Amino acid sequence: MRNEQNYQGKDPQMWQLAQRRASFKGHFTTYLIMSIFFWLLWYFAGSRTYGNGVPWPVWPMLGWGIGVALHYLGAYGNGRQNNVGKEYEKLMNERNQTSKL
């Protein structure tokens, strides 16, 4: 209900898009901060001095990074919605041109 009060008088689709983008920015900021924390923890815990394998912070960054990438696609679009809008405009222009003839 709180969200409905926030966008009264505003375009609901644009408001929803703005919310998704703001949510993504918060998620990405958290991802960056936690990634830095993981690497510092790895470095100062002495893990860098033993083992020749992949450092453990790579794994949470990889898994979480996939989630961040999907969140990005949801917030900034994968092009599908833009393509639908462009196709709609194209069809409307064709329709208007044929009606003028």
N, C-alpha and C. Protein backbone atom coordinates (compact mmCIF):
# COMPACT_ATOMS: atom_id res chain seq x y z
N MET A 1 0.81 -1.20 0.00
CA MET A 1 0.00 0.00 0.00
C MET A 1 0.86 1.27 0.00
N ARG A 2 2.00 1.19 0.67
CA ARG A 2 2.88 2.35 0.75
C ARG A 2 3.34 2.79 -0.64
N ASN A 3 3.65 1.82 -1.51
CA ASN A 3 4.10 2.14 -2.85
C ASN A 3 3.03 2.86 -3.65
N GLU A 4 1.76 2.49 -3.44
CA GLU A 4 0.68 3.14 -4.16
C GLU A 4 0.59 4.62 -3.78
N GLN A 5 0.83 4.91 -2.53
CA GLN A 5 0.77 6.30 -2.08
C GLN A 5 1.93 7.11 -2.66
N ASN A 6 3.07 6.48 -2.88
CA ASN A 6 4.25 7.18 -3.36
C ASN A 6 4.12 7.61 -4.81
N TYR A 7 3.38 6.88 -5.62
CA TYR A 7 3.36 7.23 -7.03
C TYR A 7 2.05 7.84 -7.50
N GLN A 8 1.22 8.30 -6.59
CA GLN A 8 -0.02 8.95 -7.01
C GLN A 8 0.32 10.15 -7.88
N GLY A 9 -0.32 10.18 -9.03
CA GLY A 9 -0.08 11.26 -9.97
C GLY A 9 1.10 11.01 -10.90
N LYS A 10 1.75 9.87 -10.76
CA LYS A 10 2.90 9.54 -11.60
C LYS A 10 2.54 8.36 -12.48
N ASP A 11 3.27 8.18 -13.54
CA ASP A 11 3.08 7.05 -14.44
C ASP A 11 3.46 5.77 -13.70
N PRO A 12 2.51 4.85 -13.51
CA PRO A 12 2.81 3.64 -12.73
C PRO A 12 3.91 2.77 -13.33
N GLN A 13 3.98 2.68 -14.64
CA GLN A 13 5.04 1.88 -15.25
C GLN A 13 6.41 2.50 -15.02
N MET A 14 6.50 3.80 -15.14
CA MET A 14 7.78 4.47 -14.90
C MET A 14 8.18 4.38 -13.43
N TRP A 15 7.18 4.48 -12.56
CA TRP A 15 7.44 4.37 -11.12
C TRP A 15 7.98 2.98 -10.79
N GLN A 16 7.38 1.95 -11.37
CA GLN A 16 7.83 0.58 -11.14
C GLN A 16 9.24 0.38 -11.68
N LEU A 17 9.52 0.92 -12.85
CA LEU A 17 10.86 0.83 -13.43
C LEU A 17 11.88 1.53 -12.53
N ALA A 18 11.52 2.70 -12.02
CA ALA A 18 12.41 3.44 -11.12
C ALA A 18 12.68 2.62 -9.85
N GLN A 19 11.65 1.95 -9.33
CA GLN A 19 11.85 1.11 -8.14
C GLN A 19 12.80 -0.05 -8.43
N ARG A 20 12.63 -0.70 -9.59
CA ARG A 20 13.51 -1.82 -9.94
C ARG A 20 14.96 -1.35 -10.07
N ARG A 21 15.15 -0.19 -10.68
CA ARG A 21 16.52 0.31 -10.86
C ARG A 21 17.15 0.71 -9.55
N ALA A 22 16.38 1.34 -8.67
CA ALA A 22 16.91 1.71 -7.36
C ALA A 22 17.24 0.46 -6.55
N SER A 23 16.41 -0.57 -6.66
CA SER A 23 16.66 -1.82 -5.97
C SER A 23 17.94 -2.46 -6.49
N PHE A 24 18.15 -2.44 -7.80
CA PHE A 24 19.37 -3.00 -8.37
C PHE A 24 20.60 -2.26 -7.85
N LYS A 25 20.54 -0.94 -7.81
CA LYS A 25 21.70 -0.17 -7.35
C LYS A 25 22.07 -0.52 -5.91
N GLY A 26 21.06 -0.71 -5.06
CA GLY A 26 21.32 -1.13 -3.69
C GLY A 26 21.94 -2.52 -3.62
N HIS A 27 21.41 -3.43 -4.43
CA HIS A 27 21.92 -4.80 -4.48
C HIS A 27 23.36 -4.81 -4.97
N PHE A 28 23.67 -4.04 -6.00
CA PHE A 28 25.02 -3.99 -6.54
C PHE A 28 26.00 -3.39 -5.54
N THR A 29 25.57 -2.35 -4.83
CA THR A 29 26.43 -1.74 -3.81
C THR A 29 26.76 -2.75 -2.70
N THR A 30 25.75 -3.49 -2.26
CA THR A 30 25.96 -4.51 -1.24
C THR A 30 26.92 -5.58 -1.75
N TYR A 31 26.75 -5.99 -3.00
CA TYR A 31 27.64 -6.99 -3.61
C TYR A 31 29.09 -6.51 -3.60
N LEU A 32 29.31 -5.26 -3.99
CA LEU A 32 30.67 -4.73 -4.01
C LEU A 32 31.28 -4.67 -2.61
N ILE A 33 30.52 -4.19 -1.66
CA ILE A 33 31.03 -4.07 -0.28
C ILE A 33 31.37 -5.44 0.28
N MET A 34 30.46 -6.41 0.09
CA MET A 34 30.71 -7.74 0.62
C MET A 34 31.86 -8.44 -0.11
N SER A 35 32.01 -8.19 -1.40
CA SER A 35 33.14 -8.78 -2.13
C SER A 35 34.46 -8.26 -1.60
N ILE A 36 34.52 -6.97 -1.36
CA ILE A 36 35.74 -6.38 -0.78
C ILE A 36 36.00 -6.99 0.60
N PHE A 37 34.95 -7.12 1.40
CA PHE A 37 35.08 -7.73 2.73
C PHE A 37 35.61 -9.16 2.64
N PHE A 38 35.05 -9.95 1.72
CA PHE A 38 35.51 -11.34 1.56
C PHE A 38 36.98 -11.40 1.18
N TRP A 39 37.42 -10.54 0.27
CA TRP A 39 38.82 -10.56 -0.15
C TRP A 39 39.75 -10.09 0.97
N LEU A 40 39.32 -9.09 1.73
CA LEU A 40 40.13 -8.65 2.87
C LEU A 40 40.22 -9.75 3.92
N LEU A 41 39.11 -10.41 4.17
CA LEU A 41 39.10 -11.51 5.13
C LEU A 41 40.04 -12.63 4.67
N TRP A 42 39.97 -12.96 3.41
CA TRP A 42 40.85 -13.99 2.84
C TRP A 42 42.32 -13.58 2.98
N TYR A 43 42.60 -12.33 2.65
CA TYR A 43 43.98 -11.84 2.68
C TYR A 43 44.55 -11.83 4.10
N PHE A 44 43.82 -11.24 5.03
CA PHE A 44 44.34 -11.07 6.38
C PHE A 44 44.22 -12.33 7.24
N ALA A 45 43.44 -13.30 6.81
CA ALA A 45 43.34 -14.56 7.55
C ALA A 45 44.49 -15.50 7.21
N GLY A 46 45.34 -15.11 6.30
CA GLY A 46 46.50 -15.91 5.98
C GLY A 46 46.26 -16.98 4.92
N SER A 47 45.07 -16.98 4.34
CA SER A 47 44.75 -18.00 3.35
C SER A 47 45.59 -17.87 2.09
N ARG A 48 46.15 -16.73 1.86
CA ARG A 48 46.92 -16.51 0.64
C ARG A 48 48.26 -17.25 0.68
N THR A 49 48.67 -17.69 1.88
CA THR A 49 49.99 -18.29 2.03
C THR A 49 50.00 -19.80 1.87
N TYR A 50 48.84 -20.43 1.74
CA TYR A 50 48.84 -21.88 1.55
C TYR A 50 47.84 -22.28 0.49
N GLY A 51 48.14 -23.37 -0.15
CA GLY A 51 47.26 -23.90 -1.19
C GLY A 51 47.50 -23.21 -2.52
N ASN A 52 47.39 -23.97 -3.58
CA ASN A 52 47.56 -23.42 -4.91
C ASN A 52 46.24 -23.35 -5.67
N GLY A 53 45.13 -23.58 -4.99
CA GLY A 53 43.82 -23.59 -5.63
C GLY A 53 43.28 -22.18 -5.82
N VAL A 54 42.05 -22.15 -6.20
CA VAL A 54 41.35 -20.88 -6.40
C VAL A 54 41.00 -20.30 -5.04
N PRO A 55 41.26 -19.02 -4.81
CA PRO A 55 40.89 -18.40 -3.53
C PRO A 55 39.38 -18.51 -3.31
N TRP A 56 38.98 -18.79 -2.07
CA TRP A 56 37.57 -19.03 -1.79
C TRP A 56 36.66 -17.84 -2.09
N PRO A 57 37.10 -16.57 -2.00
CA PRO A 57 36.16 -15.48 -2.31
C PRO A 57 35.64 -15.50 -3.74
N VAL A 58 36.30 -16.22 -4.63
CA VAL A 58 35.84 -16.29 -6.01
C VAL A 58 34.45 -16.93 -6.07
N TRP A 59 34.22 -17.97 -5.24
CA TRP A 59 32.96 -18.72 -5.33
C TRP A 59 31.75 -17.91 -4.91
N PRO A 60 31.77 -17.22 -3.76
CA PRO A 60 30.59 -16.40 -3.45
C PRO A 60 30.41 -15.24 -4.45
N MET A 61 31.54 -14.70 -4.94
CA MET A 61 31.41 -13.62 -5.93
C MET A 61 30.77 -14.13 -7.21
N LEU A 62 31.13 -15.33 -7.62
CA LEU A 62 30.57 -15.90 -8.84
C LEU A 62 29.07 -16.16 -8.69
N GLY A 63 28.70 -16.85 -7.62
CA GLY A 63 27.28 -17.16 -7.40
C GLY A 63 26.44 -15.91 -7.23
N TRP A 64 26.90 -15.01 -6.39
CA TRP A 64 26.17 -13.78 -6.15
C TRP A 64 26.17 -12.90 -7.40
N GLY A 65 27.27 -12.94 -8.13
CA GLY A 65 27.38 -12.15 -9.36
C GLY A 65 26.34 -12.55 -10.39
N ILE A 66 26.03 -13.84 -10.45
CA ILE A 66 24.97 -14.29 -11.36
C ILE A 66 23.64 -13.66 -10.96
N GLY A 67 23.37 -13.64 -9.66
CA GLY A 67 22.15 -12.99 -9.17
C GLY A 67 22.12 -11.51 -9.48
N VAL A 68 23.25 -10.84 -9.34
CA VAL A 68 23.34 -9.41 -9.65
C VAL A 68 23.09 -9.18 -11.14
N ALA A 69 23.66 -10.04 -11.98
CA ALA A 69 23.47 -9.91 -13.43
C ALA A 69 22.00 -10.09 -13.81
N LEU A 70 21.33 -11.06 -13.19
CA LEU A 70 19.91 -11.25 -13.47
C LEU A 70 19.07 -10.08 -12.96
N HIS A 71 19.46 -9.53 -11.82
CA HIS A 71 18.78 -8.36 -11.28
C HIS A 71 18.95 -7.17 -12.24
N TYR A 72 20.15 -7.03 -12.79
CA TYR A 72 20.42 -5.96 -13.77
C TYR A 72 19.49 -6.09 -14.98
N LEU A 73 19.37 -7.32 -15.48
CA LEU A 73 18.50 -7.54 -16.64
C LEU A 73 17.05 -7.20 -16.32
N GLY A 74 16.62 -7.50 -15.10
CA GLY A 74 15.26 -7.16 -14.70
C GLY A 74 15.05 -5.67 -14.55
N ALA A 75 16.09 -4.96 -14.13
CA ALA A 75 15.96 -3.52 -13.88
C ALA A 75 16.16 -2.69 -15.14
N TYR A 76 17.11 -3.07 -15.95
CA TYR A 76 17.44 -2.27 -17.13
C TYR A 76 16.98 -2.92 -18.42
N GLY A 77 16.31 -4.04 -18.29
CA GLY A 77 15.73 -4.69 -19.45
C GLY A 77 16.72 -5.46 -20.28
N ASN A 78 16.24 -6.51 -20.85
CA ASN A 78 17.07 -7.31 -21.74
C ASN A 78 16.78 -6.95 -23.19
N GLY A 79 16.09 -5.85 -23.37
CA GLY A 79 15.79 -5.39 -24.72
C GLY A 79 14.42 -5.82 -25.21
N ARG A 80 13.82 -6.81 -24.58
CA ARG A 80 12.53 -7.32 -25.05
C ARG A 80 11.45 -6.26 -24.95
N GLN A 81 11.35 -5.59 -23.81
CA GLN A 81 10.32 -4.58 -23.65
C GLN A 81 10.55 -3.42 -24.61
N ASN A 82 11.79 -3.03 -24.80
CA ASN A 82 12.09 -1.96 -25.74
C ASN A 82 11.73 -2.37 -27.15
N ASN A 83 11.99 -3.62 -27.50
CA ASN A 83 11.65 -4.11 -28.83
C ASN A 83 10.15 -4.12 -29.05
N VAL A 84 9.39 -4.49 -28.04
CA VAL A 84 7.94 -4.49 -28.17
C VAL A 84 7.44 -3.07 -28.40
N GLY A 85 7.98 -2.13 -27.64
CA GLY A 85 7.58 -0.74 -27.81
C GLY A 85 7.93 -0.20 -29.20
N LYS A 86 9.11 -0.54 -29.68
CA LYS A 86 9.53 -0.10 -31.01
C LYS A 86 8.66 -0.73 -32.09
N GLU A 87 8.35 -2.01 -31.92
CA GLU A 87 7.50 -2.69 -32.91
C GLU A 87 6.10 -2.10 -32.93
N TYR A 88 5.59 -1.78 -31.75
CA TYR A 88 4.27 -1.15 -31.66
C TYR A 88 4.27 0.20 -32.38
N GLU A 89 5.29 1.00 -32.14
CA GLU A 89 5.39 2.30 -32.81
C GLU A 89 5.48 2.12 -34.33
N LYS A 90 6.24 1.13 -34.76
CA LYS A 90 6.39 0.86 -36.19
C LYS A 90 5.04 0.50 -36.80
N LEU A 91 4.30 -0.38 -36.13
CA LEU A 91 2.98 -0.77 -36.63
C LEU A 91 2.01 0.41 -36.67
N MET A 92 2.06 1.23 -35.65
CA MET A 92 1.17 2.41 -35.62
C MET A 92 1.53 3.37 -36.75
N ASN A 93 2.83 3.56 -37.01
CA ASN A 93 3.24 4.44 -38.11
C ASN A 93 2.79 3.88 -39.45
N GLU A 94 2.92 2.56 -39.65
CA GLU A 94 2.47 1.94 -40.89
C GLU A 94 0.96 2.10 -41.05
N ARG A 95 0.25 1.91 -39.97
CA ARG A 95 -1.22 2.04 -40.00
C ARG A 95 -1.61 3.47 -40.35
N ASN A 96 -0.95 4.43 -39.75
CA ASN A 96 -1.27 5.85 -40.02
C ASN A 96 -0.94 6.22 -41.47
N GLN A 97 0.15 5.67 -42.00
CA GLN A 97 0.53 5.98 -43.37
C GLN A 97 -0.45 5.39 -44.36
N THR A 98 -0.94 4.17 -44.11
CA THR A 98 -1.91 3.56 -45.03
C THR A 98 -3.26 4.23 -44.92
N SER A 99 -3.61 4.76 -43.80
CA SER A 99 -4.91 5.44 -43.66
C SER A 99 -4.89 6.82 -44.33
N LYS A 100 -3.70 7.40 -44.50
CA LYS A 100 -3.59 8.70 -45.16
C LYS A 100 -3.71 8.54 -46.68
N LEU A 101 -3.42 7.36 -47.21
CA LEU A 101 -3.48 7.13 -48.65
C LEU A 101 -4.89 6.98 -49.03
